Each structure stands twice: as C-alpha cells, then as structure tokens.
Amino acid sequence: MAVPKRKMSRSNTRSRRSQWKTTPSNTATCPSCKALKLTHVACPSCGAYNGRQYAEALRTEHEV
C-alpha cells in the first residue's frame, strides 16, 4: 500500500477537500396529498407510495 513520504500541508489538504461537495436531496410532490416528499420513499404526511397506502403518517421529528 502506498505511504506518503512527506506530510501534506494544511493548504494542500484543504484545497483537495474543497471538492467534497454534497448534492441536495431530490424531492417530489406526493400525487395523493401534494406534499413534498423524498423520491422513492413513502410520503411522510399521508403514508402513500406508488399508489398504495403503506403506513400511518408518523411525523415525530418535526412535532412540537
């Protein structure tokens, strides 16, 4: 396995890591309730996915 001979400087390390970008998650509207949801995931507000009702709507992360 390759091992570097010299320590990489902080500026070189940070300039290399500046290319580590994240992409925003893809959202779509639910066809049954028109709420925003993640693609390929059951709707968190109505529980529907692909024309079927899968689960009760459980919104625990945003409840106050």
N, C-alpha and C. Protein backbone atom coordinates (compact mmCIF):
# COMPACT_ATOMS: atom_id res chain seq x y z
N MET A 1 0.84 -1.17 0.00
CA MET A 1 0.00 0.00 0.00
C MET A 1 0.89 1.24 0.00
N ALA A 2 0.50 2.26 -0.73
CA ALA A 2 1.32 3.46 -0.87
C ALA A 2 1.26 4.29 0.41
N VAL A 3 2.41 4.77 0.83
CA VAL A 3 2.51 5.62 2.02
C VAL A 3 3.22 6.90 1.59
N PRO A 4 2.66 8.09 1.93
CA PRO A 4 3.32 9.32 1.53
C PRO A 4 4.65 9.52 2.24
N LYS A 5 5.62 10.06 1.50
CA LYS A 5 6.95 10.29 2.09
C LYS A 5 6.98 11.55 2.93
N ARG A 6 6.14 12.54 2.58
CA ARG A 6 6.14 13.82 3.28
C ARG A 6 4.75 14.15 3.78
N LYS A 7 4.71 14.97 4.81
CA LYS A 7 3.43 15.43 5.34
C LYS A 7 2.79 16.40 4.35
N MET A 8 1.51 16.21 4.07
CA MET A 8 0.82 17.11 3.18
C MET A 8 0.44 18.37 3.95
N SER A 9 0.71 19.53 3.37
CA SER A 9 0.46 20.79 4.06
C SER A 9 -1.04 21.00 4.27
N ARG A 10 -1.35 21.87 5.19
CA ARG A 10 -2.73 22.14 5.52
C ARG A 10 -3.47 22.78 4.34
N SER A 11 -2.80 23.65 3.61
CA SER A 11 -3.46 24.29 2.46
C SER A 11 -3.71 23.29 1.33
N ASN A 12 -2.76 22.38 1.11
CA ASN A 12 -2.99 21.36 0.09
C ASN A 12 -4.12 20.42 0.49
N THR A 13 -4.17 20.06 1.75
CA THR A 13 -5.22 19.18 2.23
C THR A 13 -6.58 19.85 2.09
N ARG A 14 -6.67 21.11 2.48
CA ARG A 14 -7.95 21.81 2.42
C ARG A 14 -8.37 22.10 0.99
N SER A 15 -7.42 22.38 0.11
CA SER A 15 -7.80 22.62 -1.29
C SER A 15 -8.26 21.32 -1.95
N ARG A 16 -7.70 20.21 -1.55
CA ARG A 16 -8.17 18.93 -2.08
C ARG A 16 -9.55 18.60 -1.55
N ARG A 17 -9.78 18.86 -0.27
CA ARG A 17 -11.07 18.56 0.33
C ARG A 17 -12.16 19.55 -0.07
N SER A 18 -11.80 20.66 -0.70
CA SER A 18 -12.81 21.62 -1.12
C SER A 18 -13.69 21.05 -2.23
N GLN A 19 -13.25 19.98 -2.87
CA GLN A 19 -14.03 19.37 -3.93
C GLN A 19 -15.05 18.37 -3.39
N TRP A 20 -15.03 18.09 -2.09
CA TRP A 20 -16.00 17.17 -1.50
C TRP A 20 -17.31 17.91 -1.34
N LYS A 21 -18.16 17.84 -2.32
CA LYS A 21 -19.42 18.58 -2.27
C LYS A 21 -20.57 17.60 -2.11
N THR A 22 -21.60 18.07 -1.49
CA THR A 22 -22.80 17.27 -1.35
C THR A 22 -23.86 17.80 -2.29
N THR A 23 -24.80 16.96 -2.66
CA THR A 23 -25.87 17.38 -3.54
C THR A 23 -27.17 17.45 -2.75
N PRO A 24 -28.06 18.36 -3.07
CA PRO A 24 -29.33 18.43 -2.36
C PRO A 24 -30.17 17.20 -2.67
N SER A 25 -30.94 16.77 -1.70
CA SER A 25 -31.76 15.58 -1.89
C SER A 25 -32.92 15.90 -2.84
N ASN A 26 -33.26 14.92 -3.67
CA ASN A 26 -34.31 15.11 -4.65
C ASN A 26 -35.67 14.99 -3.99
N THR A 27 -36.50 15.99 -4.19
CA THR A 27 -37.85 15.95 -3.64
C THR A 27 -38.85 15.97 -4.78
N ALA A 28 -40.00 15.40 -4.52
CA ALA A 28 -41.09 15.38 -5.49
C ALA A 28 -42.38 15.62 -4.72
N THR A 29 -43.44 15.94 -5.43
CA THR A 29 -44.73 16.13 -4.77
C THR A 29 -45.48 14.81 -4.73
N CYS A 30 -46.13 14.57 -3.63
CA CYS A 30 -46.93 13.36 -3.46
C CYS A 30 -48.17 13.48 -4.35
N PRO A 31 -48.48 12.46 -5.15
CA PRO A 31 -49.65 12.57 -6.02
C PRO A 31 -50.98 12.53 -5.26
N SER A 32 -50.99 12.00 -4.04
CA SER A 32 -52.26 11.91 -3.32
C SER A 32 -52.52 13.13 -2.44
N CYS A 33 -51.49 13.67 -1.77
CA CYS A 33 -51.73 14.79 -0.86
C CYS A 33 -50.99 16.06 -1.27
N LYS A 34 -50.19 16.01 -2.32
CA LYS A 34 -49.44 17.15 -2.87
C LYS A 34 -48.40 17.73 -1.91
N ALA A 35 -47.97 16.97 -0.94
CA ALA A 35 -46.91 17.41 -0.02
C ALA A 35 -45.56 17.03 -0.61
N LEU A 36 -44.50 17.74 -0.20
CA LEU A 36 -43.16 17.40 -0.65
C LEU A 36 -42.68 16.14 0.06
N LYS A 37 -42.04 15.26 -0.69
CA LYS A 37 -41.50 14.02 -0.13
C LYS A 37 -40.24 13.67 -0.88
N LEU A 38 -39.41 12.81 -0.29
CA LEU A 38 -38.23 12.30 -0.97
C LEU A 38 -38.66 11.31 -2.06
N THR A 39 -37.89 11.27 -3.14
CA THR A 39 -38.24 10.34 -4.20
C THR A 39 -37.95 8.91 -3.75
N HIS A 40 -38.74 7.97 -4.21
CA HIS A 40 -38.63 6.54 -3.91
C HIS A 40 -38.80 6.24 -2.43
N VAL A 41 -39.55 7.08 -1.71
CA VAL A 41 -39.80 6.90 -0.28
C VAL A 41 -41.28 7.18 -0.06
N ALA A 42 -41.89 6.48 0.89
CA ALA A 42 -43.29 6.73 1.21
C ALA A 42 -43.45 8.14 1.75
N CYS A 43 -44.59 8.74 1.46
CA CYS A 43 -44.85 10.13 1.86
C CYS A 43 -44.97 10.21 3.39
N PRO A 44 -44.23 11.13 4.03
CA PRO A 44 -44.30 11.21 5.49
C PRO A 44 -45.60 11.80 6.00
N SER A 45 -46.36 12.51 5.16
CA SER A 45 -47.60 13.12 5.67
C SER A 45 -48.82 12.22 5.47
N CYS A 46 -48.87 11.43 4.40
CA CYS A 46 -50.04 10.56 4.21
C CYS A 46 -49.69 9.08 4.19
N GLY A 47 -48.42 8.71 4.03
CA GLY A 47 -48.01 7.30 4.07
C GLY A 47 -48.21 6.57 2.76
N ALA A 48 -48.48 7.26 1.66
CA ALA A 48 -48.72 6.60 0.38
C ALA A 48 -47.43 6.51 -0.42
N TYR A 49 -47.32 5.42 -1.18
CA TYR A 49 -46.19 5.26 -2.09
C TYR A 49 -46.63 4.39 -3.24
N ASN A 50 -46.41 4.85 -4.45
CA ASN A 50 -46.70 4.12 -5.68
C ASN A 50 -48.16 3.71 -5.76
N GLY A 51 -49.05 4.59 -5.33
CA GLY A 51 -50.48 4.33 -5.42
C GLY A 51 -51.03 3.45 -4.31
N ARG A 52 -50.23 3.10 -3.34
CA ARG A 52 -50.67 2.24 -2.24
C ARG A 52 -50.51 2.95 -0.91
N GLN A 53 -51.30 2.56 0.06
CA GLN A 53 -51.19 3.10 1.41
C GLN A 53 -50.35 2.12 2.23
N TYR A 54 -49.18 2.58 2.71
CA TYR A 54 -48.27 1.67 3.38
C TYR A 54 -48.29 1.77 4.89
N ALA A 55 -48.37 2.96 5.41
CA ALA A 55 -48.27 3.10 6.87
C ALA A 55 -49.04 4.34 7.29
N GLU A 56 -49.27 4.42 8.58
CA GLU A 56 -49.84 5.64 9.12
C GLU A 56 -48.80 6.75 9.04
N ALA A 57 -49.25 7.96 8.93
CA ALA A 57 -48.33 9.09 8.86
C ALA A 57 -47.76 9.35 10.25
N LEU A 58 -46.47 9.15 10.39
CA LEU A 58 -45.80 9.36 11.67
C LEU A 58 -44.79 10.47 11.50
N ARG A 59 -45.10 11.65 11.99
CA ARG A 59 -44.20 12.79 11.89
C ARG A 59 -43.67 13.11 13.27
N THR A 60 -42.63 12.42 13.71
CA THR A 60 -42.12 12.63 15.05
C THR A 60 -40.98 13.62 15.08
N GLU A 61 -40.25 13.79 13.98
CA GLU A 61 -39.07 14.64 14.03
C GLU A 61 -39.41 16.13 14.03
N HIS A 62 -40.62 16.50 13.55
CA HIS A 62 -40.97 17.91 13.49
C HIS A 62 -42.13 18.29 14.41
N GLU A 63 -42.58 17.35 15.21
CA GLU A 63 -43.67 17.67 16.13
C GLU A 63 -43.15 18.52 17.29
N VAL A 64 -44.00 19.40 17.77
CA VAL A 64 -43.61 20.28 18.88
C VAL A 64 -44.52 20.02 20.06
